[in-house]
């Protein structure tokens, strides 16, 4: 894979992490639940770390790191769903929406590692594999909380 294509793929992941940072910042402001605030803060930290490493790699490859977010697409829908759920204070719906967002982020990383051919650059591949592992852990946390919330709701 040439540097230009690698930079393009890495920049798309920077945007995904920017979306996560912005989305979870908004979600954190909208909820009063301490455990959700903590969860959202942890998820933001994951994305700050991933973004920092992605920016360094894009710069190392001679590219200009993307600084934007998406205003349309899958992530926009996720954050609108989260915001609506927060205003209704529906914990399960909040966590369902967050899990969907985590699925989207995981899919982007999986595509970068396989379909987009980033694997030819082993340094970038190792970094993206590490990020994927961290995002998978975040996904599993939200899924676990969602499942616990669902069980609580069913026992009421």
N, C-alpha and C. Protein backbone atom coordinates (compact mmCIF):
# COMPACT_ATOMS: atom_id res chain seq x y z
N UNK A 1 0.86 -1.18 0.00
CA UNK A 1 0.00 0.00 0.00
C UNK A 1 0.90 1.23 0.00
N UNK A 2 0.56 2.19 -0.83
CA UNK A 2 1.39 3.39 -0.86
C UNK A 2 1.05 4.32 0.31
N UNK A 3 1.98 5.24 0.58
CA UNK A 3 1.79 6.15 1.72
C UNK A 3 0.50 6.95 1.61
N UNK A 4 0.16 7.38 0.40
CA UNK A 4 -1.04 8.20 0.22
C UNK A 4 -2.29 7.46 0.67
N UNK A 5 -2.41 6.19 0.29
CA UNK A 5 -3.57 5.39 0.67
C UNK A 5 -3.56 5.11 2.18
N UNK A 6 -2.37 4.82 2.72
CA UNK A 6 -2.25 4.58 4.16
C UNK A 6 -2.68 5.82 4.93
N UNK A 7 -2.21 6.98 4.50
CA UNK A 7 -2.57 8.24 5.16
C UNK A 7 -4.08 8.45 5.09
N UNK A 8 -4.68 8.15 3.95
CA UNK A 8 -6.14 8.30 3.80
C UNK A 8 -6.89 7.41 4.80
N UNK A 9 -6.46 6.16 4.91
CA UNK A 9 -7.11 5.23 5.83
C UNK A 9 -6.92 5.69 7.28
N UNK A 10 -5.69 6.07 7.62
CA UNK A 10 -5.41 6.53 8.99
C UNK A 10 -6.21 7.80 9.31
N UNK A 11 -6.32 8.69 8.34
CA UNK A 11 -7.12 9.91 8.56
C UNK A 11 -8.59 9.59 8.79
N UNK A 12 -9.10 8.58 8.10
CA UNK A 12 -10.50 8.20 8.33
C UNK A 12 -10.69 7.70 9.76
N UNK A 13 -9.67 7.04 10.31
CA UNK A 13 -9.74 6.57 11.69
C UNK A 13 -9.58 7.71 12.68
N UNK A 14 -8.81 8.73 12.31
CA UNK A 14 -8.73 9.94 13.15
C UNK A 14 -10.12 10.55 13.28
N UNK A 15 -10.83 10.63 12.16
CA UNK A 15 -12.19 11.20 12.16
C UNK A 15 -13.12 10.37 13.04
N UNK A 16 -13.01 9.05 12.95
CA UNK A 16 -13.84 8.17 13.80
C UNK A 16 -13.57 8.46 15.27
N UNK A 17 -12.29 8.60 15.62
CA UNK A 17 -11.95 8.88 17.02
C UNK A 17 -12.40 10.28 17.42
N UNK A 18 -12.31 11.25 16.52
CA UNK A 18 -12.85 12.59 16.80
C UNK A 18 -14.35 12.51 17.07
N UNK A 19 -15.05 11.71 16.27
CA UNK A 19 -16.50 11.53 16.47
C UNK A 19 -16.79 10.94 17.84
N UNK A 20 -16.01 9.93 18.24
CA UNK A 20 -16.21 9.31 19.55
C UNK A 20 -15.96 10.33 20.66
N UNK A 21 -14.88 11.09 20.54
CA UNK A 21 -14.55 12.09 21.57
C UNK A 21 -15.69 13.09 21.71
N UNK A 22 -16.12 13.64 20.60
CA UNK A 22 -17.19 14.64 20.62
C UNK A 22 -18.50 14.05 21.09
N UNK A 23 -18.82 12.86 20.60
CA UNK A 23 -20.08 12.22 20.97
C UNK A 23 -20.16 11.89 22.44
N UNK A 24 -19.09 11.32 22.97
CA UNK A 24 -19.11 10.96 24.39
C UNK A 24 -19.01 12.19 25.29
N UNK A 25 -18.40 13.25 24.81
CA UNK A 25 -18.39 14.50 25.58
C UNK A 25 -19.81 15.03 25.69
N UNK A 26 -20.53 15.03 24.58
CA UNK A 26 -21.93 15.47 24.58
C UNK A 26 -22.77 14.58 25.48
N UNK A 27 -22.59 13.27 25.34
CA UNK A 27 -23.38 12.33 26.14
C UNK A 27 -23.11 12.52 27.63
N UNK A 28 -21.86 12.77 27.98
CA UNK A 28 -21.50 12.96 29.39
C UNK A 28 -22.19 14.20 29.97
N UNK A 29 -22.32 15.24 29.16
CA UNK A 29 -22.98 16.47 29.62
C UNK A 29 -24.48 16.26 29.80
N UNK A 30 -25.03 15.31 29.07
CA UNK A 30 -26.47 15.10 29.06
C UNK A 30 -26.98 14.17 30.17
N UNK A 31 -26.08 13.42 30.80
CA UNK A 31 -26.53 12.45 31.80
C UNK A 31 -26.14 12.89 33.20
N UNK A 32 -26.92 12.45 34.16
CA UNK A 32 -26.61 12.69 35.57
C UNK A 32 -26.04 11.44 36.22
N UNK A 33 -26.13 10.30 35.52
CA UNK A 33 -25.69 9.02 36.09
C UNK A 33 -24.16 8.98 36.16
N UNK A 34 -23.65 8.83 37.37
CA UNK A 34 -22.21 8.83 37.59
C UNK A 34 -21.48 7.73 36.84
N UNK A 35 -22.08 6.52 36.80
CA UNK A 35 -21.40 5.42 36.12
C UNK A 35 -21.34 5.64 34.62
N UNK A 36 -22.37 6.29 34.06
CA UNK A 36 -22.34 6.60 32.63
C UNK A 36 -21.32 7.70 32.33
N UNK A 37 -21.26 8.71 33.19
CA UNK A 37 -20.25 9.77 33.02
C UNK A 37 -18.85 9.16 33.02
N UNK A 38 -18.60 8.22 33.94
CA UNK A 38 -17.31 7.56 34.03
C UNK A 38 -17.03 6.73 32.78
N UNK A 39 -18.03 6.00 32.33
CA UNK A 39 -17.91 5.19 31.12
C UNK A 39 -17.57 6.07 29.92
N UNK A 40 -18.32 7.15 29.76
CA UNK A 40 -18.10 8.05 28.63
C UNK A 40 -16.72 8.69 28.69
N UNK A 41 -16.26 9.03 29.89
CA UNK A 41 -14.93 9.60 30.06
C UNK A 41 -13.85 8.58 29.67
N UNK A 42 -14.03 7.34 30.09
CA UNK A 42 -13.09 6.28 29.72
C UNK A 42 -13.03 6.10 28.20
N UNK A 43 -14.20 6.13 27.56
CA UNK A 43 -14.25 5.96 26.11
C UNK A 43 -13.57 7.12 25.40
N UNK A 44 -13.76 8.33 25.93
CA UNK A 44 -13.08 9.49 25.36
C UNK A 44 -11.57 9.30 25.47
N UNK A 45 -11.11 8.83 26.63
CA UNK A 45 -9.67 8.64 26.82
C UNK A 45 -9.11 7.63 25.83
N UNK A 46 -9.85 6.56 25.59
CA UNK A 46 -9.42 5.58 24.58
C UNK A 46 -9.20 6.28 23.25
N UNK A 47 -10.16 7.11 22.85
CA UNK A 47 -10.06 7.79 21.56
C UNK A 47 -8.97 8.86 21.54
N UNK A 48 -8.76 9.55 22.66
CA UNK A 48 -7.65 10.52 22.71
C UNK A 48 -6.33 9.80 22.46
N UNK A 49 -6.14 8.64 23.08
CA UNK A 49 -4.91 7.87 22.91
C UNK A 49 -4.77 7.40 21.47
N UNK A 50 -5.83 6.81 20.94
CA UNK A 50 -5.80 6.32 19.56
C UNK A 50 -5.52 7.46 18.59
N UNK A 51 -6.21 8.56 18.78
CA UNK A 51 -6.04 9.71 17.88
C UNK A 51 -4.61 10.21 17.91
N UNK A 52 -4.05 10.33 19.09
CA UNK A 52 -2.68 10.82 19.23
C UNK A 52 -1.70 9.95 18.44
N UNK A 53 -1.86 8.64 18.55
CA UNK A 53 -0.98 7.71 17.83
C UNK A 53 -1.21 7.78 16.33
N UNK A 54 -2.47 7.90 15.92
CA UNK A 54 -2.78 8.03 14.49
C UNK A 54 -2.19 9.31 13.90
N UNK A 55 -2.33 10.41 14.63
CA UNK A 55 -1.78 11.70 14.17
C UNK A 55 -0.26 11.59 14.00
N UNK A 56 0.39 10.95 14.97
CA UNK A 56 1.85 10.79 14.89
C UNK A 56 2.24 9.96 13.66
N UNK A 57 1.49 8.91 13.38
CA UNK A 57 1.80 8.05 12.23
C UNK A 57 1.55 8.78 10.91
N UNK A 58 0.45 9.50 10.81
CA UNK A 58 0.18 10.27 9.58
C UNK A 58 1.29 11.29 9.36
N UNK A 59 1.70 11.96 10.41
CA UNK A 59 2.77 12.95 10.32
C UNK A 59 4.08 12.27 9.91
N UNK A 60 4.38 11.13 10.51
CA UNK A 60 5.60 10.39 10.18
C UNK A 60 5.62 10.00 8.70
N UNK A 61 4.45 9.68 8.16
CA UNK A 61 4.35 9.29 6.76
C UNK A 61 4.33 10.49 5.81
N UNK A 62 4.38 11.71 6.37
CA UNK A 62 4.43 12.91 5.54
C UNK A 62 3.08 13.49 5.21
N UNK A 63 2.04 13.03 5.87
CA UNK A 63 0.69 13.53 5.60
C UNK A 63 0.27 14.60 6.58
N UNK A 64 -0.90 15.15 6.32
CA UNK A 64 -1.50 16.14 7.21
C UNK A 64 -2.67 15.47 7.94
N UNK A 65 -2.59 15.36 9.26
CA UNK A 65 -3.66 14.72 10.02
C UNK A 65 -4.99 15.46 9.88
N UNK A 66 -6.05 14.70 9.69
CA UNK A 66 -7.40 15.26 9.61
C UNK A 66 -7.82 15.72 11.00
N UNK A 67 -8.50 16.85 11.06
CA UNK A 67 -8.93 17.39 12.35
C UNK A 67 -10.45 17.40 12.50
N UNK A 68 -11.16 16.94 11.51
CA UNK A 68 -12.60 17.08 11.51
C UNK A 68 -13.37 15.94 12.13
N UNK A 69 -14.67 16.09 12.05
CA UNK A 69 -15.62 15.05 12.43
C UNK A 69 -16.59 14.91 11.29
N UNK A 70 -17.39 13.88 11.33
CA UNK A 70 -18.43 13.70 10.32
C UNK A 70 -19.70 14.37 10.83
N UNK A 71 -20.39 15.05 9.94
CA UNK A 71 -21.66 15.64 10.35
C UNK A 71 -22.83 14.83 9.81
N UNK A 72 -22.53 13.80 9.06
CA UNK A 72 -23.57 12.92 8.55
C UNK A 72 -23.11 11.48 8.73
N UNK A 73 -23.96 10.57 8.38
CA UNK A 73 -23.57 9.17 8.41
C UNK A 73 -23.94 8.47 9.69
N UNK A 74 -23.33 7.30 9.85
CA UNK A 74 -23.68 6.41 10.96
C UNK A 74 -23.46 7.03 12.32
N UNK A 75 -22.33 7.71 12.51
CA UNK A 75 -22.05 8.27 13.83
C UNK A 75 -23.02 9.38 14.20
N UNK A 76 -23.43 10.18 13.24
CA UNK A 76 -24.39 11.24 13.54
C UNK A 76 -25.67 10.61 14.09
N UNK A 77 -26.12 9.53 13.47
CA UNK A 77 -27.32 8.84 13.93
C UNK A 77 -27.14 8.31 15.34
N UNK A 78 -25.96 7.76 15.60
CA UNK A 78 -25.68 7.23 16.94
C UNK A 78 -25.84 8.31 17.99
N UNK A 79 -25.23 9.47 17.77
CA UNK A 79 -25.25 10.51 18.80
C UNK A 79 -26.62 11.16 18.93
N UNK A 80 -27.38 11.19 17.86
CA UNK A 80 -28.75 11.69 17.98
C UNK A 80 -29.58 10.70 18.79
N UNK A 81 -29.36 9.40 18.57
CA UNK A 81 -30.07 8.38 19.35
C UNK A 81 -29.69 8.45 20.82
N UNK A 82 -28.39 8.64 21.09
CA UNK A 82 -27.94 8.76 22.48
C UNK A 82 -28.57 9.97 23.14
N UNK A 83 -28.57 11.09 22.43
CA UNK A 83 -29.13 12.32 23.00
C UNK A 83 -30.62 12.15 23.31
N UNK A 84 -31.35 11.54 22.38
CA UNK A 84 -32.78 11.30 22.60
C UNK A 84 -32.99 10.38 23.80
N UNK A 85 -32.17 9.34 23.90
CA UNK A 85 -32.30 8.41 25.01
C UNK A 85 -31.98 9.08 26.34
N UNK A 86 -30.97 9.95 26.33
CA UNK A 86 -30.60 10.65 27.56
C UNK A 86 -31.71 11.57 28.05
N UNK A 87 -32.37 12.25 27.12
CA UNK A 87 -33.44 13.15 27.54
C UNK A 87 -34.61 12.36 28.10
N UNK A 88 -34.81 11.13 27.62
CA UNK A 88 -35.84 10.27 28.17
C UNK A 88 -35.34 9.46 29.34
N UNK A 89 -34.05 9.56 29.62
CA UNK A 89 -33.40 8.86 30.72
C UNK A 89 -33.62 7.35 30.65
N UNK A 90 -33.63 6.81 29.42
CA UNK A 90 -33.80 5.37 29.21
C UNK A 90 -32.42 4.73 29.12
N UNK A 91 -31.97 4.19 30.23
CA UNK A 91 -30.62 3.65 30.34
C UNK A 91 -30.32 2.58 29.29
N UNK A 92 -31.23 1.65 29.09
CA UNK A 92 -30.99 0.59 28.11
C UNK A 92 -30.85 1.17 26.72
N UNK A 93 -31.70 2.12 26.36
CA UNK A 93 -31.63 2.74 25.04
C UNK A 93 -30.32 3.52 24.86
N UNK A 94 -29.88 4.20 25.91
CA UNK A 94 -28.61 4.92 25.87
C UNK A 94 -27.49 3.92 25.56
N UNK A 95 -27.46 2.83 26.29
CA UNK A 95 -26.40 1.84 26.13
C UNK A 95 -26.51 1.11 24.79
N UNK A 96 -27.74 0.86 24.31
CA UNK A 96 -27.93 0.28 22.98
C UNK A 96 -27.30 1.17 21.91
N UNK A 97 -27.55 2.46 22.00
CA UNK A 97 -27.02 3.41 21.03
C UNK A 97 -25.50 3.48 21.11
N UNK A 98 -24.98 3.47 22.32
CA UNK A 98 -23.52 3.48 22.48
C UNK A 98 -22.90 2.22 21.90
N UNK A 99 -23.55 1.08 22.13
CA UNK A 99 -23.01 -0.18 21.59
C UNK A 99 -22.99 -0.13 20.07
N UNK A 100 -24.03 0.41 19.47
CA UNK A 100 -24.06 0.53 18.02
C UNK A 100 -22.89 1.40 17.53
N UNK A 101 -22.63 2.50 18.22
CA UNK A 101 -21.50 3.36 17.86
C UNK A 101 -20.18 2.63 17.97
N UNK A 102 -20.06 1.81 19.00
CA UNK A 102 -18.83 1.02 19.15
C UNK A 102 -18.70 -0.01 18.04
N UNK A 103 -19.83 -0.57 17.60
CA UNK A 103 -19.81 -1.50 16.46
C UNK A 103 -19.27 -0.80 15.21
N UNK A 104 -19.71 0.42 14.99
CA UNK A 104 -19.27 1.19 13.82
C UNK A 104 -17.77 1.44 13.88
N UNK A 105 -17.28 1.83 15.05
CA UNK A 105 -15.84 2.08 15.21
C UNK A 105 -15.04 0.80 14.99
N UNK A 106 -15.49 -0.30 15.56
CA UNK A 106 -14.80 -1.57 15.36
C UNK A 106 -14.77 -1.97 13.89
N UNK A 107 -15.88 -1.78 13.22
CA UNK A 107 -15.95 -2.11 11.80
C UNK A 107 -14.95 -1.29 10.99
N UNK A 108 -14.81 -0.01 11.31
CA UNK A 108 -13.86 0.85 10.61
C UNK A 108 -12.43 0.34 10.79
N UNK A 109 -12.11 -0.05 12.01
CA UNK A 109 -10.76 -0.59 12.27
C UNK A 109 -10.56 -1.93 11.57
N UNK A 110 -11.58 -2.79 11.60
CA UNK A 110 -11.47 -4.09 10.94
C UNK A 110 -11.26 -3.91 9.43
N UNK A 111 -11.98 -2.96 8.84
CA UNK A 111 -11.80 -2.68 7.42
C UNK A 111 -10.39 -2.16 7.14
N UNK A 112 -9.88 -1.31 8.00
CA UNK A 112 -8.53 -0.77 7.82
C UNK A 112 -7.49 -1.89 7.89
N UNK A 113 -7.72 -2.85 8.77
CA UNK A 113 -6.77 -3.94 8.94
C UNK A 113 -6.87 -5.00 7.85
N UNK A 114 -8.00 -5.10 7.20
CA UNK A 114 -8.19 -6.17 6.21
C UNK A 114 -8.48 -5.60 4.82
N UNK A 115 -9.67 -5.11 4.65
CA UNK A 115 -10.13 -4.67 3.33
C UNK A 115 -9.30 -3.53 2.75
N UNK A 116 -8.91 -2.58 3.58
CA UNK A 116 -8.18 -1.41 3.08
C UNK A 116 -6.70 -1.68 2.89
N UNK A 117 -6.23 -2.86 3.29
CA UNK A 117 -4.86 -3.26 3.01
C UNK A 117 -3.79 -2.61 3.85
N UNK A 118 -4.13 -2.07 5.00
CA UNK A 118 -3.14 -1.42 5.85
C UNK A 118 -2.09 -2.42 6.34
N UNK A 119 -2.38 -3.70 6.20
CA UNK A 119 -1.49 -4.74 6.72
C UNK A 119 -0.10 -4.71 6.10
N UNK A 120 0.07 -4.07 4.96
CA UNK A 120 1.39 -4.03 4.33
C UNK A 120 2.36 -3.15 5.11
N UNK A 121 1.85 -2.27 5.93
CA UNK A 121 2.69 -1.42 6.77
C UNK A 121 2.62 -1.98 8.18
N UNK A 122 3.61 -2.82 8.55
CA UNK A 122 3.51 -3.56 9.80
C UNK A 122 3.44 -2.66 11.04
N UNK A 123 4.13 -1.52 11.04
CA UNK A 123 4.06 -0.60 12.18
C UNK A 123 2.65 -0.09 12.37
N UNK A 124 2.03 0.31 11.28
CA UNK A 124 0.65 0.79 11.34
C UNK A 124 -0.29 -0.35 11.71
N UNK A 125 -0.04 -1.53 11.18
CA UNK A 125 -0.90 -2.68 11.49
C UNK A 125 -0.86 -2.99 12.98
N UNK A 126 0.33 -3.00 13.56
CA UNK A 126 0.45 -3.27 15.00
C UNK A 126 -0.30 -2.23 15.82
N UNK A 127 -0.15 -0.95 15.42
CA UNK A 127 -0.84 0.13 16.13
C UNK A 127 -2.36 -0.05 16.02
N UNK A 128 -2.85 -0.33 14.81
CA UNK A 128 -4.29 -0.48 14.60
C UNK A 128 -4.83 -1.71 15.32
N UNK A 129 -4.05 -2.76 15.39
CA UNK A 129 -4.48 -3.96 16.14
C UNK A 129 -4.62 -3.63 17.62
N UNK A 130 -3.68 -2.84 18.15
CA UNK A 130 -3.75 -2.41 19.55
C UNK A 130 -5.00 -1.55 19.78
N UNK A 131 -5.26 -0.61 18.86
CA UNK A 131 -6.45 0.24 18.97
C UNK A 131 -7.71 -0.62 18.92
N UNK A 132 -7.75 -1.57 17.99
CA UNK A 132 -8.91 -2.44 17.84
C UNK A 132 -9.18 -3.17 19.15
N UNK A 133 -8.13 -3.65 19.79
CA UNK A 133 -8.27 -4.35 21.06
C UNK A 133 -8.87 -3.42 22.13
N UNK A 134 -8.39 -2.19 22.19
CA UNK A 134 -8.91 -1.22 23.16
C UNK A 134 -10.37 -0.88 22.88
N UNK A 135 -10.71 -0.71 21.60
CA UNK A 135 -12.09 -0.40 21.24
C UNK A 135 -13.01 -1.60 21.51
N UNK A 136 -12.50 -2.80 21.30
CA UNK A 136 -13.28 -4.00 21.59
C UNK A 136 -13.56 -4.09 23.09
N UNK A 137 -12.59 -3.72 23.91
CA UNK A 137 -12.80 -3.71 25.37
C UNK A 137 -13.87 -2.69 25.74
N UNK A 138 -13.84 -1.50 25.10
CA UNK A 138 -14.88 -0.50 25.35
C UNK A 138 -16.25 -1.04 24.93
N UNK A 139 -16.29 -1.67 23.76
CA UNK A 139 -17.53 -2.26 23.26
C UNK A 139 -18.08 -3.27 24.27
N UNK A 140 -17.20 -4.11 24.76
CA UNK A 140 -17.63 -5.15 25.69
C UNK A 140 -18.13 -4.56 27.01
N UNK A 141 -17.52 -3.45 27.46
CA UNK A 141 -17.98 -2.78 28.68
C UNK A 141 -19.41 -2.27 28.51
N UNK A 142 -19.66 -1.60 27.40
CA UNK A 142 -20.99 -1.04 27.19
C UNK A 142 -22.02 -2.16 27.01
N UNK A 143 -21.62 -3.23 26.34
CA UNK A 143 -22.52 -4.37 26.15
C UNK A 143 -22.87 -5.00 27.50
N UNK A 144 -21.86 -5.16 28.34
CA UNK A 144 -22.09 -5.73 29.67
C UNK A 144 -23.04 -4.85 30.48
N UNK A 145 -22.83 -3.54 30.45
CA UNK A 145 -23.71 -2.62 31.17
C UNK A 145 -25.12 -2.65 30.59
N UNK A 146 -25.21 -2.73 29.28
CA UNK A 146 -26.52 -2.79 28.63
C UNK A 146 -27.27 -4.05 29.04
N UNK A 147 -26.56 -5.18 29.02
CA UNK A 147 -27.20 -6.45 29.40
C UNK A 147 -27.63 -6.43 30.86
N UNK A 148 -26.82 -5.84 31.74
CA UNK A 148 -27.19 -5.74 33.16
C UNK A 148 -28.41 -4.84 33.32
N UNK A 149 -28.45 -3.77 32.56
CA UNK A 149 -29.59 -2.85 32.61
C UNK A 149 -30.86 -3.54 32.12
N UNK A 150 -30.72 -4.34 31.10
CA UNK A 150 -31.86 -5.08 30.56
C UNK A 150 -32.40 -6.07 31.59
N UNK A 151 -31.49 -6.76 32.29
CA UNK A 151 -31.90 -7.70 33.32
C UNK A 151 -32.59 -7.01 34.48
N UNK A 152 -32.06 -5.84 34.88
CA UNK A 152 -32.69 -5.07 35.96
C UNK A 152 -34.09 -4.67 35.58
N UNK A 153 -34.26 -4.24 34.33
CA UNK A 153 -35.56 -3.80 33.85
C UNK A 153 -36.56 -4.95 33.84
N UNK A 154 -36.08 -6.14 33.45
CA UNK A 154 -36.95 -7.31 33.38
C UNK A 154 -37.40 -7.79 34.75
N UNK A 155 -36.59 -7.56 35.78
CA UNK A 155 -36.95 -8.03 37.12
C UNK A 155 -37.86 -7.06 37.84
N UNK A 156 -38.09 -5.90 37.27
CA UNK A 156 -38.95 -4.90 37.92
C UNK A 156 -40.40 -5.18 37.65
